[in-house]
Amino acid sequence: MISQQHGQHSDRPMVVTSLEDADGFRCVDIFVRPDRTFGFKEFRRDPEDAGRWTLVGDYSHQSYSTKDEAFRAAATSLPWFAETIEYGSK
């Protein structure tokens, strides 16, 4: 996703947090929409894809009031993500 540049308005969501697993092969982007609701998407990066991120889980149809709610929903929906954030907090 493309973030907004200073002084420009966009109707596209803006990524506010992007968290990778320890191996750097999976990622969750938490984003905010122009209406100030939040959502998330899941990506993976494979060597055969030249290191590009590929969307593997589009949860953007779900809407959350806060960044923390979106973060918790991602952890509930994605077991690997829950393990990653649990590991990172130790």
Protein backbone atom coordinates (compact mmCIF):
# COMPACT_ATOMS: atom_id res chain seq x y z
CA MET A 1 0.00 0.00 0.00
CA ILE A 2 1.13 3.50 -0.71
CA SER A 3 1.25 5.94 2.17
CA GLN A 4 -0.05 9.46 1.76
CA GLN A 5 2.43 12.18 0.95
CA HIS A 6 2.39 15.39 2.94
CA GLY A 7 -0.36 17.71 1.80
CA GLN A 8 -2.14 15.13 -0.36
CA HIS A 9 -5.37 13.36 0.47
CA SER A 10 -6.09 9.85 -0.67
CA ASP A 11 -9.05 7.54 -0.61
CA ARG A 12 -6.71 4.57 -0.24
CA PRO A 13 -5.87 2.86 3.06
CA MET A 14 -2.51 3.70 4.63
CA VAL A 15 -0.36 1.06 6.33
CA VAL A 16 0.32 2.04 9.94
CA THR A 17 2.12 -1.13 11.09
CA SER A 18 3.85 -3.91 9.18
CA LEU A 19 5.08 -6.88 11.22
CA GLU A 20 7.13 -9.79 9.90
CA ASP A 21 7.73 -13.24 11.36
CA ALA A 22 11.24 -14.06 12.63
CA ASP A 23 12.23 -15.60 9.28
CA GLY A 24 11.02 -12.61 7.25
CA PHE A 25 8.81 -14.76 5.04
CA ARG A 26 5.39 -13.74 6.39
CA CYS A 27 4.00 -10.33 7.19
CA VAL A 28 0.83 -8.66 8.46
CA ASP A 29 0.00 -5.11 7.45
CA ILE A 30 -2.36 -3.18 9.72
CA PHE A 31 -3.88 -0.27 7.82
CA VAL A 32 -6.21 2.66 8.43
CA ARG A 33 -8.87 3.70 5.95
CA PRO A 34 -9.89 7.30 5.20
CA ASP A 35 -12.99 6.75 7.40
CA ARG A 36 -10.58 6.01 10.31
CA THR A 37 -11.46 2.33 10.57
CA PHE A 38 -8.70 -0.29 10.57
CA GLY A 39 -8.09 -3.60 8.85
CA PHE A 40 -5.31 -6.04 8.03
CA LYS A 41 -3.87 -8.20 5.26
CA GLU A 42 -1.48 -11.16 5.29
CA PHE A 43 1.48 -11.47 2.91
CA ARG A 44 4.29 -13.94 2.25
CA ARG A 45 7.66 -13.61 0.54
CA ASP A 46 9.15 -16.59 -1.27
CA PRO A 47 12.64 -16.85 -2.79
CA GLU A 48 11.17 -18.01 -6.11
CA ASP A 49 9.18 -14.76 -6.28
CA ALA A 50 12.39 -12.70 -6.16
CA GLY A 51 11.57 -11.59 -2.63
CA ARG A 52 8.34 -9.77 -3.56
CA TRP A 53 5.47 -9.79 -1.08
CA THR A 54 2.44 -11.79 -2.23
CA LEU A 55 -1.02 -11.29 -0.75
CA VAL A 56 -2.18 -14.59 0.77
CA GLY A 57 -4.89 -13.47 3.17
CA ASP A 58 -7.18 -10.56 2.36
CA TYR A 59 -9.07 -9.67 5.52
CA SER A 60 -9.69 -6.10 4.37
CA HIS A 61 -13.46 -6.63 4.23
CA GLN A 62 -13.44 -6.67 8.04
CA SER A 63 -13.48 -3.35 9.84
CA TYR A 64 -12.21 -2.44 13.31
CA SER A 65 -12.58 0.73 15.36
CA THR A 66 -8.98 0.79 16.58
CA LYS A 67 -5.54 -0.35 15.54
CA ASP A 68 -5.43 -2.61 18.61
CA GLU A 69 -8.68 -4.34 17.61
CA ALA A 70 -7.28 -5.04 14.14
CA PHE A 71 -4.05 -6.31 15.70
CA ARG A 72 -5.96 -8.70 18.01
CA ALA A 73 -8.13 -9.91 15.12
CA ALA A 74 -5.01 -10.66 13.08
CA ALA A 75 -3.55 -12.64 15.99
CA THR A 76 -6.80 -14.59 16.35
CA SER A 77 -7.08 -15.29 12.61
CA LEU A 78 -3.43 -16.15 11.95
CA PRO A 79 -1.81 -18.65 14.35
CA TRP A 80 1.70 -17.93 13.03
CA PHE A 81 1.17 -14.23 13.78
CA ALA A 82 0.02 -14.94 17.32
CA GLU A 83 3.17 -17.03 17.85
CA THR A 84 5.33 -14.27 16.37
CA ILE A 85 4.01 -11.54 18.64
CA GLU A 86 4.09 -13.87 21.65
CA TYR A 87 7.73 -14.71 20.90
CA GLY A 88 8.58 -11.06 20.37
CA SER A 89 7.17 -10.03 23.75
CA LYS A 90 9.43 -12.40 25.69
